Amino acid sequence: MTASKIDTKPTWTDPDDAPELTDDWFEGATLHEGGVVKRLPGQRGPGKKRPKEAITLRLDAEILEHFRQTGDGWQTRINDALKMVIAPPKVRRRPRRARSAMTLHRPVRKRA
């Protein structure tokens, strides 16, 4: 019945048989700290959203002045304003009126 058991024998027995750890090996290694992958400066993990793209855009002075007066984050606010222009309109539904218990159990009138 040993066919279903996993072979747990070590791949080498002598520590001198370990592969040589070169600079290339260390550069390609993933750094873990406390069981969590630690990112080095300049490294990015897998992104969930597409990253923003840096471009050059010429805008009227009054547009820039308006957004810059709102303080830090003015470029993000321009981005949000442009998103609202291309976003599909949201369908607004009228809220349902709550029915009282009297309207739910009202007697049916017979027509004469």
C-alpha atoms as a PDB file:
ATOM      1  CA  MET A   1       0.000   0.000   0.000  1.00  0.00           C
ATOM      2  CA  THR A   2       2.938   2.396  -0.450  1.00  0.00           C
ATOM      3  CA  ALA A   3       1.966   3.339  -4.015  1.00  0.00           C
ATOM      4  CA  SER A   4      -0.290   6.207  -2.882  1.00  0.00           C
ATOM      5  CA  LYS A   5       2.235   7.708  -0.450  1.00  0.00           C
ATOM      6  CA  ILE A   6       4.226  10.745  -1.516  1.00  0.00           C
ATOM      7  CA  ASP A   7       7.970  10.323  -1.715  1.00  0.00           C
ATOM      8  CA  THR A   8       9.352  12.641   0.966  1.00  0.00           C
ATOM      9  CA  LYS A   9      12.994  11.678   0.707  1.00  0.00           C
ATOM     10  CA  PRO A  10      15.321  14.689   0.451  1.00  0.00           C
ATOM     11  CA  THR A  11      16.772  15.382  -2.993  1.00  0.00           C
ATOM     12  CA  TRP A  12      20.300  15.483  -1.575  1.00  0.00           C
ATOM     13  CA  THR A  13      21.841  14.374   1.660  1.00  0.00           C
ATOM     14  CA  ASP A  14      25.137  16.213   1.636  1.00  0.00           C
ATOM     15  CA  PRO A  15      25.009  20.031   2.029  1.00  0.00           C
ATOM     16  CA  ASP A  16      27.991  20.251  -0.316  1.00  0.00           C
ATOM     17  CA  ASP A  17      25.712  18.951  -3.097  1.00  0.00           C
ATOM     18  CA  ALA A  18      23.567  22.119  -2.920  1.00  0.00           C
ATOM     19  CA  PRO A  19      23.556  24.247  -6.080  1.00  0.00           C
ATOM     20  CA  GLU A  20      25.715  27.339  -6.111  1.00  0.00           C
ATOM     21  CA  LEU A  21      23.794  30.538  -5.363  1.00  0.00           C
ATOM     22  CA  THR A  22      24.921  33.126  -7.901  1.00  0.00           C
ATOM     23  CA  ASP A  23      24.126  36.832  -8.198  1.00  0.00           C
ATOM     24  CA  ASP A  24      21.699  36.017 -11.028  1.00  0.00           C
ATOM     25  CA  TRP A  25      19.831  33.625  -8.732  1.00  0.00           C
ATOM     26  CA  PHE A  26      19.476  36.306  -6.039  1.00  0.00           C
ATOM     27  CA  GLU A  27      18.295  38.934  -8.565  1.00  0.00           C
ATOM     28  CA  GLY A  28      15.498  36.643  -9.709  1.00  0.00           C
ATOM     29  CA  ALA A  29      14.465  35.601  -6.193  1.00  0.00           C
ATOM     30  CA  THR A  30      11.241  36.776  -4.543  1.00  0.00           C
ATOM     31  CA  LEU A  31      11.685  38.415  -1.169  1.00  0.00           C
ATOM     32  CA  HIS A  32       9.281  37.277   1.560  1.00  0.00           C
ATOM     33  CA  GLU A  33       8.816  38.947   4.917  1.00  0.00           C
ATOM     34  CA  GLY A  34       6.483  37.387   7.453  1.00  0.00           C
ATOM     35  CA  GLY A  35       4.919  35.146   4.807  1.00  0.00           C
ATOM     36  CA  VAL A  36       4.085  38.126   2.568  1.00  0.00           C
ATOM     37  CA  VAL A  37       5.858  38.997  -0.670  1.00  0.00           C
ATOM     38  CA  LYS A  38       7.853  42.177  -0.146  1.00  0.00           C
ATOM     39  CA  ARG A  39       8.148  44.488  -3.126  1.00  0.00           C
ATOM     40  CA  LEU A  40      11.378  46.317  -3.694  1.00  0.00           C
ATOM     41  CA  PRO A  41      11.319  50.001  -4.681  1.00  0.00           C
ATOM     42  CA  GLY A  42      10.281  50.281  -8.305  1.00  0.00           C
ATOM     43  CA  GLN A  43       8.607  46.871  -8.378  1.00  0.00           C
ATOM     44  CA  ARG A  44       4.897  46.513  -8.922  1.00  0.00           C
ATOM     45  CA  GLY A  45       2.686  43.614  -8.170  1.00  0.00           C
ATOM     46  CA  PRO A  46       0.041  42.309 -10.516  1.00  0.00           C
ATOM     47  CA  GLY A  47      -2.364  45.161 -11.098  1.00  0.00           C
ATOM     48  CA  LYS A  48      -6.121  44.829 -10.990  1.00  0.00           C
ATOM     49  CA  LYS A  49      -6.738  47.930 -13.061  1.00  0.00           C
ATOM     50  CA  ARG A  50      -4.905  49.149 -16.095  1.00  0.00           C
ATOM     51  CA  PRO A  51      -2.310  51.746 -15.091  1.00  0.00           C
ATOM     52  CA  LYS A  52      -2.826  55.328 -16.129  1.00  0.00           C
ATOM     53  CA  GLU A  53      -0.897  56.570 -19.125  1.00  0.00           C
ATOM     54  CA  ALA A  54       1.148  59.755 -19.109  1.00  0.00           C
ATOM     55  CA  ILE A  55       0.309  61.992 -22.070  1.00  0.00           C
ATOM     56  CA  THR A  56       0.619  65.600 -23.151  1.00  0.00           C
ATOM     57  CA  LEU A  57      -2.706  67.417 -23.440  1.00  0.00           C
ATOM     58  CA  ARG A  58      -3.336  71.028 -24.373  1.00  0.00           C
ATOM     59  CA  LEU A  59      -6.226  72.587 -22.436  1.00  0.00           C
ATOM     60  CA  ASP A  60      -7.602  76.113 -22.290  1.00  0.00           C
ATOM     61  CA  ALA A  61      -6.139  78.268 -19.533  1.00  0.00           C
ATOM     62  CA  GLU A  62      -9.559  78.783 -17.909  1.00  0.00           C
ATOM     63  CA  ILE A  63     -10.064  75.013 -17.565  1.00  0.00           C
ATOM     64  CA  LEU A  64      -6.673  74.558 -15.922  1.00  0.00           C
ATOM     65  CA  GLU A  65      -7.258  77.548 -13.664  1.00  0.00           C
ATOM     66  CA  HIS A  66     -10.631  76.180 -12.554  1.00  0.00           C
ATOM     67  CA  PHE A  67      -9.286  72.735 -11.632  1.00  0.00           C
ATOM     68  CA  ARG A  68      -6.045  74.015 -10.081  1.00  0.00           C
ATOM     69  CA  GLN A  69      -8.021  76.312  -7.762  1.00  0.00           C
ATOM     70  CA  THR A  70      -9.647  73.233  -6.235  1.00  0.00           C
ATOM     71  CA  GLY A  71      -6.295  72.193  -4.753  1.00  0.00           C
ATOM     72  CA  ASP A  72      -4.188  69.052  -4.909  1.00  0.00           C
ATOM     73  CA  GLY A  73      -5.596  66.232  -6.981  1.00  0.00           C
ATOM     74  CA  TRP A  74      -6.781  68.524  -9.769  1.00  0.00           C
ATOM     75  CA  GLN A  75      -5.490  66.156 -12.474  1.00  0.00           C
ATOM     76  CA  THR A  76      -7.496  63.295 -10.964  1.00  0.00           C
ATOM     77  CA  ARG A  77     -10.586  65.517 -10.952  1.00  0.00           C
ATOM     78  CA  ILE A  78     -10.077  66.283 -14.656  1.00  0.00           C
ATOM     79  CA  ASN A  79      -9.802  62.532 -15.259  1.00  0.00           C
ATOM     80  CA  ASP A  80     -13.037  61.939 -13.306  1.00  0.00           C
ATOM     81  CA  ALA A  81     -14.842  64.686 -15.242  1.00  0.00           C
ATOM     82  CA  LEU A  82     -13.789  63.097 -18.536  1.00  0.00           C
ATOM     83  CA  LYS A  83     -14.952  59.675 -17.313  1.00  0.00           C
ATOM     84  CA  MET A  84     -18.404  61.127 -16.616  1.00  0.00           C
ATOM     85  CA  VAL A  85     -18.589  62.345 -20.211  1.00  0.00           C
ATOM     86  CA  ILE A  86     -17.941  58.884 -21.692  1.00  0.00           C
ATOM     87  CA  ALA A  87     -19.848  56.832 -19.092  1.00  0.00           C
ATOM     88  CA  PRO A  88     -23.213  55.436 -20.156  1.00  0.00           C
ATOM     89  CA  PRO A  89     -26.116  57.216 -18.452  1.00  0.00           C
ATOM     90  CA  LYS A  90     -27.443  55.502 -15.362  1.00  0.00           C
ATOM     91  CA  VAL A  91     -31.044  54.412 -15.517  1.00  0.00           C
ATOM     92  CA  ARG A  92     -32.887  56.034 -12.653  1.00  0.00           C
ATOM     93  CA  ARG A  93     -35.907  54.203 -11.391  1.00  0.00           C
ATOM     94  CA  ARG A  94     -38.607  55.872  -9.424  1.00  0.00           C
ATOM     95  CA  PRO A  95     -38.746  54.541  -5.887  1.00  0.00           C
ATOM     96  CA  ARG A  96     -41.718  52.311  -5.179  1.00  0.00           C
ATOM     97  CA  ARG A  97     -44.293  53.597  -2.783  1.00  0.00           C
ATOM     98  CA  ALA A  98     -44.798  51.499   0.281  1.00  0.00           C
ATOM     99  CA  ARG A  99     -48.236  49.944   0.392  1.00  0.00           C
ATOM    100  CA  SER A 100     -50.131  49.948   3.590  1.00  0.00           C
ATOM    101  CA  ALA A 101     -51.736  46.826   4.995  1.00  0.00           C
ATOM    102  CA  MET A 102     -55.155  48.235   4.073  1.00  0.00           C
ATOM    103  CA  THR A 103     -54.386  48.430   0.364  1.00  0.00           C
ATOM    104  CA  LEU A 104     -53.006  44.892   0.272  1.00  0.00           C
ATOM    105  CA  HIS A 105     -56.175  43.295   1.673  1.00  0.00           C
ATOM    106  CA  ARG A 106     -58.877  45.464   0.235  1.00  0.00           C
ATOM    107  CA  PRO A 107     -62.107  43.692  -0.684  1.00  0.00           C
ATOM    108  CA  VAL A 108     -62.868  43.225  -4.360  1.00  0.00           C
ATOM    109  CA  ARG A 109     -66.006  45.038  -5.508  1.00  0.00           C
ATOM    110  CA  LYS A 110     -68.300  43.244  -7.870  1.00  0.00           C
ATOM    111  CA  ARG A 111     -69.628  45.195 -10.812  1.00  0.00           C
ATOM    112  CA  ALA A 112     -73.338  45.381 -11.216  1.00  0.00           C
END
